[in-house]
Amino acid sequence: ADDVTRLEPYLYRIEIVAVDFPAFNDGRAFSHASLLRDRLAYRNEL
């Protein structure tokens, strides 16, 4: 339920972002990962 865009001002300080998959049928973390990589250009460990 987190808004991953809140990380944008801090991305250069982050070494790792962990995205939580609480259940096999909850795919919101797929969206978080795509947003981080494609729109926010996060390049460190995911």
ModelCIF file with pLDDT and N, C-alpha, C, O atoms, coordinates in Angstrom:
data_MODEL
#
_entry.id   MODEL 
#
_entity.id                         1 
_entity.type                       polymer 
_entity.pdbx_number_of_molecules   1 
#
_entity_poly.entity_id                      1 
_entity_poly.type                           'polypeptide(L)' 
_entity_poly.nstd_linkage                   no 
_entity_poly.nstd_monomer                   no 
_entity_poly.pdbx_seq_one_letter_code       ADDVTRLEPYLYRIEIVAVDFPAFNDGRAFSHASLLRDRLAYRNEL 
_entity_poly.pdbx_seq_one_letter_code_can   ADDVTRLEPYLYRIEIVAVDFPAFNDGRAFSHASLLRDRLAYRNEL 
_entity_poly.pdbx_strand_id                 A 
#
loop_
_entity_poly_seq.entity_id 
_entity_poly_seq.num 
_entity_poly_seq.mon_id 
_entity_poly_seq.hetero 
1 1  ALA n 
1 2  ASP n 
1 3  ASP n 
1 4  VAL n 
1 5  THR n 
1 6  ARG n 
1 7  LEU n 
1 8  GLU n 
1 9  PRO n 
1 10 TYR n 
1 11 LEU n 
1 12 TYR n 
1 13 ARG n 
1 14 ILE n 
1 15 GLU n 
1 16 ILE n 
1 17 VAL n 
1 18 ALA n 
1 19 VAL n 
1 20 ASP n 
1 21 PHE n 
1 22 PRO n 
1 23 ALA n 
1 24 PHE n 
1 25 ASN n 
1 26 ASP n 
1 27 GLY n 
1 28 ARG n 
1 29 ALA n 
1 30 PHE n 
1 31 SER n 
1 32 HIS n 
1 33 ALA n 
1 34 SER n 
1 35 LEU n 
1 36 LEU n 
1 37 ARG n 
1 38 ASP n 
1 39 ARG n 
1 40 LEU n 
1 41 ALA n 
1 42 TYR n 
1 43 ARG n 
1 44 ASN n 
1 45 GLU n 
1 46 LEU n 
#
_struct_asym.id          A 
_struct_asym.entity_id   1 
#
loop_
_ma_qa_metric.id 
_ma_qa_metric.mode 
_ma_qa_metric.name 
_ma_qa_metric.software_group_id 
_ma_qa_metric.type 
1 global pLDDT . pLDDT 
2 local  pLDDT . pLDDT 
#
_ma_qa_metric_global.metric_id      1 
_ma_qa_metric_global.metric_value   95.15 
_ma_qa_metric_global.model_id       1 
_ma_qa_metric_global.ordinal_id     1 
#
loop_
_ma_qa_metric_local.label_asym_id 
_ma_qa_metric_local.label_comp_id 
_ma_qa_metric_local.label_seq_id 
_ma_qa_metric_local.metric_id 
_ma_qa_metric_local.metric_value 
_ma_qa_metric_local.model_id 
_ma_qa_metric_local.ordinal_id 
A ALA 1  2 96.00 1 1  
A ASP 2  2 97.00 1 2  
A ASP 3  2 97.00 1 3  
A VAL 4  2 97.00 1 4  
A THR 5  2 97.00 1 5  
A ARG 6  2 97.00 1 6  
A LEU 7  2 97.00 1 7  
A GLU 8  2 96.00 1 8  
A PRO 9  2 96.00 1 9  
A TYR 10 2 97.00 1 10 
A LEU 11 2 96.00 1 11 
A TYR 12 2 95.00 1 12 
A ARG 13 2 96.00 1 13 
A ILE 14 2 97.00 1 14 
A GLU 15 2 97.00 1 15 
A ILE 16 2 98.00 1 16 
A VAL 17 2 98.00 1 17 
A ALA 18 2 98.00 1 18 
A VAL 19 2 98.00 1 19 
A ASP 20 2 97.00 1 20 
A PHE 21 2 95.00 1 21 
A PRO 22 2 93.00 1 22 
A ALA 23 2 91.00 1 23 
A PHE 24 2 84.00 1 24 
A ASN 25 2 88.00 1 25 
A ASP 26 2 91.00 1 26 
A GLY 27 2 90.00 1 27 
A ARG 28 2 94.00 1 28 
A ALA 29 2 95.00 1 29 
A PHE 30 2 93.00 1 30 
A SER 31 2 94.00 1 31 
A HIS 32 2 96.00 1 32 
A ALA 33 2 96.00 1 33 
A SER 34 2 94.00 1 34 
A LEU 35 2 95.00 1 35 
A LEU 36 2 97.00 1 36 
A ARG 37 2 95.00 1 37 
A ASP 38 2 92.00 1 38 
A ARG 39 2 94.00 1 39 
A LEU 40 2 96.00 1 40 
A ALA 41 2 94.00 1 41 
A TYR 42 2 96.00 1 42 
A ARG 43 2 95.00 1 43 
A ASN 44 2 97.00 1 44 
A GLU 45 2 97.00 1 45 
A LEU 46 2 98.00 1 46 
#
loop_
_atom_site.group_PDB 
_atom_site.id 
_atom_site.type_symbol 
_atom_site.label_atom_id 
_atom_site.label_alt_id 
_atom_site.label_comp_id 
_atom_site.label_asym_id 
_atom_site.label_entity_id 
_atom_site.label_seq_id 
_atom_site.pdbx_PDB_ins_code 
_atom_site.Cartn_x 
_atom_site.Cartn_y 
_atom_site.Cartn_z 
_atom_site.occupancy 
_atom_site.B_iso_or_equiv 
_atom_site.pdbx_formal_charge 
_atom_site.auth_seq_id 
_atom_site.auth_comp_id 
_atom_site.auth_asym_id 
_atom_site.auth_atom_id 
_atom_site.pdbx_PDB_model_num 
ATOM 1   N N  . ALA A 1 1  ? 0.802  -1.223  0.000   1.00 96.00 ? 1  ALA A N  1 
ATOM 2   C CA . ALA A 1 1  ? 0.000  0.000   0.000   1.00 96.00 ? 1  ALA A CA 1 
ATOM 3   C C  . ALA A 1 1  ? 0.838  1.279   0.000   1.00 96.00 ? 1  ALA A C  1 
ATOM 4   O O  . ALA A 1 1  ? 0.277  2.373   -0.050  1.00 96.00 ? 1  ALA A O  1 
ATOM 5   N N  . ASP A 1 2  ? 2.166  1.167   0.055   1.00 97.00 ? 2  ASP A N  1 
ATOM 6   C CA . ASP A 1 2  ? 3.033  2.346   0.087   1.00 97.00 ? 2  ASP A CA 1 
ATOM 7   C C  . ASP A 1 2  ? 3.062  3.057   -1.259  1.00 97.00 ? 2  ASP A C  1 
ATOM 8   O O  . ASP A 1 2  ? 2.873  2.440   -2.308  1.00 97.00 ? 2  ASP A O  1 
ATOM 9   N N  . ASP A 1 3  ? 3.302  4.358   -1.213  1.00 97.00 ? 3  ASP A N  1 
ATOM 10  C CA . ASP A 1 3  ? 3.486  5.166   -2.418  1.00 97.00 ? 3  ASP A CA 1 
ATOM 11  C C  . ASP A 1 3  ? 4.982  5.241   -2.699  1.00 97.00 ? 3  ASP A C  1 
ATOM 12  O O  . ASP A 1 3  ? 5.704  6.010   -2.065  1.00 97.00 ? 3  ASP A O  1 
ATOM 13  N N  . VAL A 1 4  ? 5.438  4.437   -3.655  1.00 97.00 ? 4  VAL A N  1 
ATOM 14  C CA . VAL A 1 4  ? 6.859  4.320   -3.943  1.00 97.00 ? 4  VAL A CA 1 
ATOM 15  C C  . VAL A 1 4  ? 7.459  5.635   -4.464  1.00 97.00 ? 4  VAL A C  1 
ATOM 16  O O  . VAL A 1 4  ? 8.670  5.831   -4.371  1.00 97.00 ? 4  VAL A O  1 
ATOM 17  N N  . THR A 1 5  ? 6.647  6.522   -5.000  1.00 97.00 ? 5  THR A N  1 
ATOM 18  C CA . THR A 1 5  ? 7.170  7.793   -5.507  1.00 97.00 ? 5  THR A CA 1 
ATOM 19  C C  . THR A 1 5  ? 7.690  8.694   -4.387  1.00 97.00 ? 5  THR A C  1 
ATOM 20  O O  . THR A 1 5  ? 8.422  9.648   -4.652  1.00 97.00 ? 5  THR A O  1 
ATOM 21  N N  . ARG A 1 6  ? 7.318  8.402   -3.142  1.00 97.00 ? 6  ARG A N  1 
ATOM 22  C CA . ARG A 1 6  ? 7.843  9.168   -2.003  1.00 97.00 ? 6  ARG A CA 1 
ATOM 23  C C  . ARG A 1 6  ? 9.347  8.971   -1.846  1.00 97.00 ? 6  ARG A C  1 
ATOM 24  O O  . ARG A 1 6  ? 10.002 9.759   -1.163  1.00 97.00 ? 6  ARG A O  1 
ATOM 25  N N  . LEU A 1 7  ? 9.907  7.925   -2.470  1.00 97.00 ? 7  LEU A N  1 
ATOM 26  C CA . LEU A 1 7  ? 11.352 7.670   -2.394  1.00 97.00 ? 7  LEU A CA 1 
ATOM 27  C C  . LEU A 1 7  ? 12.171 8.564   -3.322  1.00 97.00 ? 7  LEU A C  1 
ATOM 28  O O  . LEU A 1 7  ? 13.383 8.688   -3.147  1.00 97.00 ? 7  LEU A O  1 
ATOM 29  N N  . GLU A 1 8  ? 11.537 9.176   -4.287  1.00 96.00 ? 8  GLU A N  1 
ATOM 30  C CA . GLU A 1 8  ? 12.266 9.895   -5.337  1.00 96.00 ? 8  GLU A CA 1 
ATOM 31  C C  . GLU A 1 8  ? 13.336 10.860  -4.826  1.00 96.00 ? 8  GLU A C  1 
ATOM 32  O O  . GLU A 1 8  ? 14.440 10.848  -5.369  1.00 96.00 ? 8  GLU A O  1 
ATOM 33  N N  . PRO A 1 9  ? 13.077 11.695  -3.814  1.00 96.00 ? 9  PRO A N  1 
ATOM 34  C CA . PRO A 1 9  ? 14.133 12.617  -3.380  1.00 96.00 ? 9  PRO A CA 1 
ATOM 35  C C  . PRO A 1 9  ? 15.336 11.924  -2.711  1.00 96.00 ? 9  PRO A C  1 
ATOM 36  O O  . PRO A 1 9  ? 16.382 12.545  -2.525  1.00 96.00 ? 9  PRO A O  1 
ATOM 37  N N  . TYR A 1 10 ? 15.187 10.665  -2.357  1.00 97.00 ? 10 TYR A N  1 
ATOM 38  C CA . TYR A 1 10 ? 16.225 9.960   -1.591  1.00 97.00 ? 10 TYR A CA 1 
ATOM 39  C C  . TYR A 1 10 ? 16.922 8.848   -2.386  1.00 97.00 ? 10 TYR A C  1 
ATOM 40  O O  . TYR A 1 10 ? 17.804 8.177   -1.850  1.00 97.00 ? 10 TYR A O  1 
ATOM 41  N N  . LEU A 1 11 ? 16.549 8.644   -3.634  1.00 96.00 ? 11 LEU A N  1 
ATOM 42  C CA . LEU A 1 11 ? 17.048 7.489   -4.394  1.00 96.00 ? 11 LEU A CA 1 
ATOM 43  C C  . LEU A 1 11 ? 18.571 7.403   -4.434  1.00 96.00 ? 11 LEU A C  1 
ATOM 44  O O  . LEU A 1 11 ? 19.126 6.306   -4.385  1.00 96.00 ? 11 LEU A O  1 
ATOM 45  N N  . TYR A 1 12 ? 19.249 8.536   -4.522  1.00 95.00 ? 12 TYR A N  1 
ATOM 46  C CA . TYR A 1 12 ? 20.708 8.518   -4.592  1.00 95.00 ? 12 TYR A CA 1 
ATOM 47  C C  . TYR A 1 12 ? 21.359 8.059   -3.282  1.00 95.00 ? 12 TYR A C  1 
ATOM 48  O O  . TYR A 1 12 ? 22.558 7.782   -3.246  1.00 95.00 ? 12 TYR A O  1 
ATOM 49  N N  . ARG A 1 13 ? 20.578 7.981   -2.226  1.00 96.00 ? 13 ARG A N  1 
ATOM 50  C CA . ARG A 1 13 ? 21.109 7.572   -0.913  1.00 96.00 ? 13 ARG A CA 1 
ATOM 51  C C  . ARG A 1 13 ? 20.758 6.126   -0.568  1.00 96.00 ? 13 ARG A C  1 
ATOM 52  O O  . ARG A 1 13 ? 21.180 5.613   0.468   1.00 96.00 ? 13 ARG A O  1 
ATOM 53  N N  . ILE A 1 14 ? 19.988 5.470   -1.433  1.00 97.00 ? 14 ILE A N  1 
ATOM 54  C CA . ILE A 1 14 ? 19.481 4.129   -1.136  1.00 97.00 ? 14 ILE A CA 1 
ATOM 55  C C  . ILE A 1 14 ? 20.367 3.074   -1.780  1.00 97.00 ? 14 ILE A C  1 
ATOM 56  O O  . ILE A 1 14 ? 20.661 3.139   -2.973  1.00 97.00 ? 14 ILE A O  1 
ATOM 57  N N  . GLU A 1 15 ? 20.790 2.103   -0.978  1.00 97.00 ? 15 GLU A N  1 
ATOM 58  C CA . GLU A 1 15 ? 21.582 0.981   -1.473  1.00 97.00 ? 15 GLU A CA 1 
ATOM 59  C C  . GLU A 1 15 ? 20.685 -0.173  -1.911  1.00 97.00 ? 15 GLU A C  1 
ATOM 60  O O  . GLU A 1 15 ? 21.015 -0.900  -2.849  1.00 97.00 ? 15 GLU A O  1 
ATOM 61  N N  . ILE A 1 16 ? 19.541 -0.341  -1.226  1.00 98.00 ? 16 ILE A N  1 
ATOM 62  C CA . ILE A 1 16 ? 18.641 -1.455  -1.538  1.00 98.00 ? 16 ILE A CA 1 
ATOM 63  C C  . ILE A 1 16 ? 17.196 -1.056  -1.236  1.00 98.00 ? 16 ILE A C  1 
ATOM 64  O O  . ILE A 1 16 ? 16.901 -0.417  -0.226  1.00 98.00 ? 16 ILE A O  1 
ATOM 65  N N  . VAL A 1 17 ? 16.313 -1.454  -2.145  1.00 98.00 ? 17 VAL A N  1 
ATOM 66  C CA . VAL A 1 17 ? 14.872 -1.338  -1.916  1.00 98.00 ? 17 VAL A CA 1 
ATOM 67  C C  . VAL A 1 17 ? 14.322 -2.758  -1.932  1.00 98.00 ? 17 VAL A C  1 
ATOM 68  O O  . VAL A 1 17 ? 14.525 -3.503  -2.891  1.00 98.00 ? 17 VAL A O  1 
ATOM 69  N N  . ALA A 1 18 ? 13.629 -3.122  -0.866  1.00 98.00 ? 18 ALA A N  1 
ATOM 70  C CA . ALA A 1 18 ? 12.961 -4.425  -0.792  1.00 98.00 ? 18 ALA A CA 1 
ATOM 71  C C  . ALA A 1 18 ? 11.475 -4.193  -1.018  1.00 98.00 ? 18 ALA A C  1 
ATOM 72  O O  . ALA A 1 18 ? 10.849 -3.384  -0.335  1.00 98.00 ? 18 ALA A O  1 
ATOM 73  N N  . VAL A 1 19 ? 10.918 -4.917  -1.989  1.00 98.00 ? 19 VAL A N  1 
ATOM 74  C CA . VAL A 1 19 ? 9.479  -4.823  -2.250  1.00 98.00 ? 19 VAL A CA 1 
ATOM 75  C C  . VAL A 1 19 ? 8.819  -6.083  -1.703  1.00 98.00 ? 19 VAL A C  1 
ATOM 76  O O  . VAL A 1 19 ? 9.268  -7.200  -1.961  1.00 98.00 ? 19 VAL A O  1 
ATOM 77  N N  . ASP A 1 20 ? 7.752  -5.882  -0.947  1.00 97.00 ? 20 ASP A N  1 
ATOM 78  C CA . ASP A 1 20 ? 7.108  -6.977  -0.220  1.00 97.00 ? 20 ASP A CA 1 
ATOM 79  C C  . ASP A 1 20 ? 6.001  -7.620  -1.041  1.00 97.00 ? 20 ASP A C  1 
ATOM 80  O O  . ASP A 1 20 ? 5.111  -6.943  -1.555  1.00 97.00 ? 20 ASP A O  1 
ATOM 81  N N  . PHE A 1 21 ? 6.078  -8.958  -1.154  1.00 95.00 ? 21 PHE A N  1 
ATOM 82  C CA . PHE A 1 21 ? 5.032  -9.779  -1.740  1.00 95.00 ? 21 PHE A CA 1 
ATOM 83  C C  . PHE A 1 21 ? 4.387  -10.553 -0.586  1.00 95.00 ? 21 PHE A C  1 
ATOM 84  O O  . PHE A 1 21 ? 4.823  -11.664 -0.283  1.00 95.00 ? 21 PHE A O  1 
ATOM 85  N N  . PRO A 1 22 ? 3.350  -9.990  0.071   1.00 93.00 ? 22 PRO A N  1 
ATOM 86  C CA . PRO A 1 22 ? 2.780  -10.640 1.252   1.00 93.00 ? 22 PRO A CA 1 
ATOM 87  C C  . PRO A 1 22 ? 2.025  -11.934 0.936   1.00 93.00 ? 22 PRO A C  1 
ATOM 88  O O  . PRO A 1 22 ? 1.873  -12.792 1.805   1.00 93.00 ? 22 PRO A O  1 
ATOM 89  N N  . ALA A 1 23 ? 1.557  -12.073 -0.297  1.00 91.00 ? 23 ALA A N  1 
ATOM 90  C CA . ALA A 1 23 ? 0.822  -13.273 -0.730  1.00 91.00 ? 23 ALA A CA 1 
ATOM 91  C C  . ALA A 1 23 ? 1.047  -13.455 -2.219  1.00 91.00 ? 23 ALA A C  1 
ATOM 92  O O  . ALA A 1 23 ? 1.287  -12.485 -2.937  1.00 91.00 ? 23 ALA A O  1 
ATOM 93  N N  . PHE A 1 24 ? 0.970  -14.679 -2.681  1.00 84.00 ? 24 PHE A N  1 
ATOM 94  C CA . PHE A 1 24 ? 1.240  -14.959 -4.090  1.00 84.00 ? 24 PHE A CA 1 
ATOM 95  C C  . PHE A 1 24 ? 0.293  -14.236 -5.040  1.00 84.00 ? 24 PHE A C  1 
ATOM 96  O O  . PHE A 1 24 ? 0.640  -14.001 -6.197  1.00 84.00 ? 24 PHE A O  1 
ATOM 97  N N  . ASN A 1 25 ? -0.895 -13.883 -4.565  1.00 88.00 ? 25 ASN A N  1 
ATOM 98  C CA . ASN A 1 25 ? -1.879 -13.247 -5.433  1.00 88.00 ? 25 ASN A CA 1 
ATOM 99  C C  . ASN A 1 25 ? -1.910 -11.725 -5.290  1.00 88.00 ? 25 ASN A C  1 
ATOM 100 O O  . ASN A 1 25 ? -2.825 -11.081 -5.804  1.00 88.00 ? 25 ASN A O  1 
ATOM 101 N N  . ASP A 1 26 ? -0.935 -11.144 -4.606  1.00 91.00 ? 26 ASP A N  1 
ATOM 102 C CA . ASP A 1 26 ? -0.850 -9.690  -4.459  1.00 91.00 ? 26 ASP A CA 1 
ATOM 103 C C  . ASP A 1 26 ? 0.297  -9.192  -5.329  1.00 91.00 ? 26 ASP A C  1 
ATOM 104 O O  . ASP A 1 26 ? 1.462  -9.321  -4.955  1.00 91.00 ? 26 ASP A O  1 
ATOM 105 N N  . GLY A 1 27 ? -0.025 -8.628  -6.479  1.00 90.00 ? 27 GLY A N  1 
ATOM 106 C CA . GLY A 1 27 ? 0.986  -8.237  -7.445  1.00 90.00 ? 27 GLY A CA 1 
ATOM 107 C C  . GLY A 1 27 ? 1.406  -6.777  -7.404  1.00 90.00 ? 27 GLY A C  1 
ATOM 108 O O  . GLY A 1 27 ? 2.078  -6.306  -8.322  1.00 90.00 ? 27 GLY A O  1 
ATOM 109 N N  . ARG A 1 28 ? 1.026  -6.055  -6.363  1.00 94.00 ? 28 ARG A N  1 
ATOM 110 C CA . ARG A 1 28 ? 1.374  -4.635  -6.315  1.00 94.00 ? 28 ARG A CA 1 
ATOM 111 C C  . ARG A 1 28 ? 2.878  -4.405  -6.293  1.00 94.00 ? 28 ARG A C  1 
ATOM 112 O O  . ARG A 1 28 ? 3.342  -3.368  -6.767  1.00 94.00 ? 28 ARG A O  1 
ATOM 113 N N  . ALA A 1 29 ? 3.650  -5.343  -5.755  1.00 95.00 ? 29 ALA A N  1 
ATOM 114 C CA . ALA A 1 29 ? 5.108  -5.185  -5.727  1.00 95.00 ? 29 ALA A CA 1 
ATOM 115 C C  . ALA A 1 29 ? 5.700  -5.245  -7.136  1.00 95.00 ? 29 ALA A C  1 
ATOM 116 O O  . ALA A 1 29 ? 6.753  -4.656  -7.380  1.00 95.00 ? 29 ALA A O  1 
ATOM 117 N N  . PHE A 1 30 ? 5.044  -5.946  -8.070  1.00 93.00 ? 30 PHE A N  1 
ATOM 118 C CA . PHE A 1 30 ? 5.477  -5.921  -9.472  1.00 93.00 ? 30 PHE A CA 1 
ATOM 119 C C  . PHE A 1 30 ? 5.402  -4.486  -9.996  1.00 93.00 ? 30 PHE A C  1 
ATOM 120 O O  . PHE A 1 30 ? 6.313  -4.015  -10.676 1.00 93.00 ? 30 PHE A O  1 
ATOM 121 N N  . SER A 1 31 ? 4.306  -3.802  -9.671  1.00 94.00 ? 31 SER A N  1 
ATOM 122 C CA . SER A 1 31 ? 4.134  -2.408  -10.100 1.00 94.00 ? 31 SER A CA 1 
ATOM 123 C C  . SER A 1 31 ? 5.165  -1.507  -9.446  1.00 94.00 ? 31 SER A C  1 
ATOM 124 O O  . SER A 1 31 ? 5.721  -0.621  -10.096 1.00 94.00 ? 31 SER A O  1 
ATOM 125 N N  . HIS A 1 32 ? 5.426  -1.728  -8.153  1.00 96.00 ? 32 HIS A N  1 
ATOM 126 C CA . HIS A 1 32 ? 6.451  -0.932  -7.462  1.00 96.00 ? 32 HIS A CA 1 
ATOM 127 C C  . HIS A 1 32 ? 7.810  -1.110  -8.133  1.00 96.00 ? 32 HIS A C  1 
ATOM 128 O O  . HIS A 1 32 ? 8.523  -0.134  -8.364  1.00 96.00 ? 32 HIS A O  1 
ATOM 129 N N  . ALA A 1 33 ? 8.170  -2.358  -8.446  1.00 96.00 ? 33 ALA A N  1 
ATOM 130 C CA . ALA A 1 33 ? 9.465  -2.632  -9.070  1.00 96.00 ? 33 ALA A CA 1 
ATOM 131 C C  . ALA A 1 33 ? 9.563  -1.954  -10.431 1.00 96.00 ? 33 ALA A C  1 
ATOM 132 O O  . ALA A 1 33 ? 10.578 -1.329  -10.739 1.00 96.00 ? 33 ALA A O  1 
ATOM 133 N N  . SER A 1 34 ? 8.533  -2.067  -11.237 1.00 94.00 ? 34 SER A N  1 
ATOM 134 C CA . SER A 1 34 ? 8.536  -1.436  -12.561 1.00 94.00 ? 34 SER A CA 1 
ATOM 135 C C  . SER A 1 34 ? 8.633  0.077   -12.455 1.00 94.00 ? 34 SER A C  1 
ATOM 136 O O  . SER A 1 34 ? 9.370  0.713   -13.207 1.00 94.00 ? 34 SER A O  1 
ATOM 137 N N  . LEU A 1 35 ? 7.894  0.644   -11.529 1.00 95.00 ? 35 LEU A N  1 
ATOM 138 C CA . LEU A 1 35 ? 7.936  2.092   -11.327 1.00 95.00 ? 35 LEU A CA 1 
ATOM 139 C C  . LEU A 1 35 ? 9.336  2.548   -10.913 1.00 95.00 ? 35 LEU A C  1 
ATOM 140 O O  . LEU A 1 35 ? 9.851  3.539   -11.430 1.00 95.00 ? 35 LEU A O  1 
ATOM 141 N N  . LEU A 1 36 ? 9.942  1.824   -9.985  1.00 97.00 ? 36 LEU A N  1 
ATOM 142 C CA . LEU A 1 36 ? 11.291 2.183   -9.534  1.00 97.00 ? 36 LEU A CA 1 
ATOM 143 C C  . LEU A 1 36 ? 12.298 2.118   -10.679 1.00 97.00 ? 36 LEU A C  1 
ATOM 144 O O  . LEU A 1 36 ? 13.109 3.030   -10.842 1.00 97.00 ? 36 LEU A O  1 
ATOM 145 N N  . ARG A 1 37 ? 12.256 1.066   -11.459 1.00 95.00 ? 37 ARG A N  1 
ATOM 146 C CA . ARG A 1 37 ? 13.229 0.890   -12.543 1.00 95.00 ? 37 ARG A CA 1 
ATOM 147 C C  . ARG A 1 37 ? 12.955 1.815   -13.728 1.00 95.00 ? 37 ARG A C  1 
ATOM 148 O O  . ARG A 1 37 ? 13.868 2.481   -14.216 1.00 95.00 ? 37 ARG A O  1 
ATOM 149 N N  . ASP A 1 38 ? 11.712 1.863   -14.192 1.00 92.00 ? 38 ASP A N  1 
ATOM 150 C CA . ASP A 1 38 ? 11.411 2.542   -15.442 1.00 92.00 ? 38 ASP A CA 1 
ATOM 151 C C  . ASP A 1 38 ? 11.155 4.045   -15.293 1.00 92.00 ? 38 ASP A C  1 
ATOM 152 O O  . ASP A 1 38 ? 11.683 4.837   -16.074 1.00 92.00 ? 38 ASP A O  1 
ATOM 153 N N  . ARG A 1 39 ? 10.378 4.436   -14.332 1.00 94.00 ? 39 ARG A N  1 
ATOM 154 C CA . ARG A 1 39 ? 10.042 5.858   -14.205 1.00 94.00 ? 39 ARG A CA 1 
ATOM 155 C C  . ARG A 1 39 ? 10.984 6.620   -13.291 1.00 94.00 ? 39 ARG A C  1 
ATOM 156 O O  . ARG A 1 39 ? 11.307 7.778   -13.559 1.00 94.00 ? 39 ARG A O  1 
ATOM 157 N N  . LEU A 1 40 ? 11.428 5.984   -12.212 1.00 96.00 ? 40 LEU A N  1 
ATOM 158 C CA . LEU A 1 40 ? 12.287 6.680   -11.256 1.00 96.00 ? 40 LEU A CA 1 
ATOM 159 C C  . LEU A 1 40 ? 13.773 6.419   -11.507 1.00 96.00 ? 40 LEU A C  1 
ATOM 160 O O  . LEU A 1 40 ? 14.625 7.022   -10.855 1.00 96.00 ? 40 LEU A O  1 
ATOM 161 N N  . ALA A 1 41 ? 14.084 5.535   -12.435 1.00 94.00 ? 41 ALA A N  1 
ATOM 162 C CA . ALA A 1 41 ? 15.462 5.222   -12.841 1.00 94.00 ? 41 ALA A CA 1 
ATOM 163 C C  . ALA A 1 41 ? 16.339 4.750   -11.673 1.00 94.00 ? 41 ALA A C  1 
ATOM 164 O O  . ALA A 1 41 ? 17.529 5.062   -11.625 1.00 94.00 ? 41 ALA A O  1 
ATOM 165 N N  . TYR A 1 42 ? 15.763 4.015   -10.754 1.00 96.00 ? 42 TYR A N  1 
ATOM 166 C CA . TYR A 1 42 ? 16.526 3.441   -9.644  1.00 96.00 ? 42 TYR A CA 1 
ATOM 167 C C  . TYR A 1 42 ? 17.382 2.304   -10.189 1.00 96.00 ? 42 TYR A C  1 
ATOM 168 O O  . TYR A 1 42 ? 16.866 1.414   -10.866 1.00 96.00 ? 42 TYR A O  1 
ATOM 169 N N  . ARG A 1 43 ? 18.695 2.323   -9.901  1.00 95.00 ? 43 ARG A N  1 
ATOM 170 C CA . ARG A 1 43 ? 19.620 1.343   -10.473 1.00 95.00 ? 43 ARG A CA 1 
ATOM 171 C C  . ARG A 1 43 ? 20.308 0.451   -9.448  1.00 95.00 ? 43 ARG A C  1 
ATOM 172 O O  . ARG A 1 43 ? 21.022 -0.472  -9.837  1.00 95.00 ? 43 ARG A O  1 
ATOM 173 N N  . ASN A 1 44 ? 20.122 0.689   -8.165  1.00 97.00 ? 44 ASN A N  1 
ATOM 174 C CA . ASN A 1 44 ? 20.756 -0.161  -7.156  1.00 97.00 ? 44 ASN A CA 1 
ATOM 175 C C  . ASN A 1 44 ? 19.931 -1.428  -6.945  1.00 97.00 ? 44 ASN A C  1 
ATOM 176 O O  . ASN A 1 44 ? 19.007 -1.713  -7.707  1.00 97.00 ? 44 ASN A O  1 
ATOM 177 N N  . GLU A 1 45 ? 20.273 -2.178  -5.911  1.00 97.00 ? 45 GLU A N  1 
ATOM 178 C CA . GLU A 1 45 ? 19.630 -3.476  -5.685  1.00 97.00 ? 45 GLU A CA 1 
ATOM 179 C C  . GLU A 1 45 ? 18.140 -3.335  -5.394  1.00 97.00 ? 45 GLU A C  1 
ATOM 180 O O  . GLU A 1 45 ? 17.708 -2.475  -4.625  1.00 97.00 ? 45 GLU A O  1 
ATOM 181 N N  . LEU A 1 46 ? 17.375 -4.208  -6.035  1.00 98.00 ? 46 LEU A N  1 
ATOM 182 C CA . LEU A 1 46 ? 15.927 -4.291  -5.831  1.00 98.00 ? 46 LEU A CA 1 
ATOM 183 C C  . LEU A 1 46 ? 15.619 -5.734  -5.463  1.00 98.00 ? 46 LEU A C  1 
ATOM 184 O O  . LEU A 1 46 ? 14.460 -6.080  -5.235  1.00 98.00 ? 46 LEU A O  1 
#
